[in-house]
Amino acid sequence: MSTVEFERWQAYYELEPFGAWREDWRAALIASTMFNMWRGKNTAAAKIGDFMPKFTHEQQDVNQQLQIVEMLNAAFGGKDERVPK
């Protein structure tokens, strides 16, 4: 890709954003619209941001990871085959 073509793609993106974030935004727009159409009279209106995925990158220690594995194992009917200490 030439520099000129790259610059044109950048300019196009400024006018018409594309990519995963934009797709998430469109899905959140639809979800918030549907929610607001069907919400009850005493329910607050939803915003698009209420339906946007939130990705966090929290560090987990070994014990937290093990706890998640144990919960998933139990949820899927697995058997703990570890040898007791």
Protein backbone atom coordinates (compact mmCIF):
# COMPACT_ATOMS: atom_id res chain seq x y z
CA MET A 1 0.00 0.00 0.00
CA SER A 2 1.42 3.33 -0.98
CA THR A 3 1.56 6.35 1.31
CA VAL A 4 -1.03 8.10 -0.82
CA GLU A 5 -3.45 5.18 -0.58
CA PHE A 6 -2.91 4.96 3.19
CA GLU A 7 -3.67 8.66 3.57
CA ARG A 8 -6.84 8.23 1.52
CA TRP A 9 -7.97 5.38 3.78
CA GLN A 10 -7.31 7.59 6.82
CA ALA A 11 -9.39 10.37 5.31
CA TYR A 12 -12.19 7.91 4.48
CA TYR A 13 -12.12 6.58 8.05
CA GLU A 14 -12.56 10.11 9.37
CA LEU A 15 -15.74 10.47 7.28
CA GLU A 16 -17.10 6.93 7.70
CA PRO A 17 -15.57 5.11 10.69
CA PHE A 18 -15.41 1.34 10.41
CA GLY A 19 -14.09 -1.53 12.48
CA ALA A 20 -14.98 -3.45 15.64
CA TRP A 21 -15.70 -0.40 17.81
CA ARG A 22 -18.12 0.98 15.24
CA GLU A 23 -19.87 -2.41 14.96
CA ASP A 24 -20.24 -2.57 18.75
CA TRP A 25 -21.68 0.95 18.72
CA ARG A 26 -24.25 0.03 16.07
CA ALA A 27 -25.32 -3.06 18.03
CA ALA A 28 -25.59 -0.97 21.23
CA LEU A 29 -27.71 1.59 19.38
CA ILE A 30 -30.15 -1.10 18.30
CA ALA A 31 -30.21 -2.70 21.76
CA SER A 32 -30.87 0.62 23.50
CA THR A 33 -33.61 1.49 21.01
CA MET A 34 -35.33 -1.87 21.55
CA PHE A 35 -34.99 -1.55 25.33
CA ASN A 36 -36.47 1.94 25.30
CA MET A 37 -39.36 0.84 23.09
CA TRP A 38 -40.36 -1.92 25.50
CA ARG A 39 -39.39 -0.44 28.87
CA GLY A 40 -41.99 0.11 31.55
CA LYS A 41 -43.38 3.48 32.49
CA ASN A 42 -41.31 3.66 35.68
CA THR A 43 -38.09 2.46 34.08
CA ALA A 44 -35.39 4.95 33.16
CA ALA A 45 -34.42 5.24 29.50
CA ALA A 46 -31.27 3.40 28.49
CA LYS A 47 -28.32 5.07 26.81
CA ILE A 48 -26.20 3.60 24.05
CA GLY A 49 -23.27 3.39 26.46
CA ASP A 50 -25.29 1.07 28.70
CA PHE A 51 -25.00 -1.60 26.00
CA MET A 52 -21.40 -1.03 24.91
CA PRO A 53 -19.03 -3.84 25.88
CA LYS A 54 -16.53 -2.89 28.54
CA PHE A 55 -13.22 -4.67 28.36
CA THR A 56 -11.01 -4.66 31.40
CA HIS A 57 -7.58 -6.09 31.78
CA GLU A 58 -7.34 -6.83 35.47
CA GLN A 59 -4.38 -8.81 36.63
CA GLN A 60 -5.34 -12.11 38.22
CA ASP A 61 -3.18 -14.07 40.57
CA VAL A 62 -2.95 -17.86 40.46
CA ASN A 63 -5.58 -18.32 43.19
CA GLN A 64 -8.12 -16.18 41.31
CA GLN A 65 -7.51 -18.13 38.10
CA LEU A 66 -7.88 -21.43 39.95
CA GLN A 67 -11.15 -20.25 41.50
CA ILE A 68 -12.53 -19.42 38.03
CA VAL A 69 -11.51 -22.85 36.72
CA GLU A 70 -13.17 -24.53 39.69
CA MET A 71 -16.41 -22.58 39.13
CA LEU A 72 -16.47 -23.43 35.43
CA ASN A 73 -15.73 -27.07 36.18
CA ALA A 74 -18.67 -27.21 38.61
CA ALA A 75 -20.97 -25.30 36.23
CA PHE A 76 -20.31 -27.77 33.42
CA GLY A 77 -20.67 -30.83 35.63
CA GLY A 78 -16.99 -31.66 35.71
CA LYS A 79 -15.30 -33.80 38.32
CA ASP A 80 -12.39 -32.51 40.41
CA GLU A 81 -9.75 -35.17 39.95
CA ARG A 82 -6.96 -33.45 41.81
CA VAL A 83 -5.15 -35.54 44.36
CA PRO A 84 -5.79 -34.12 47.86
CA LYS A 85 -2.65 -32.91 49.63
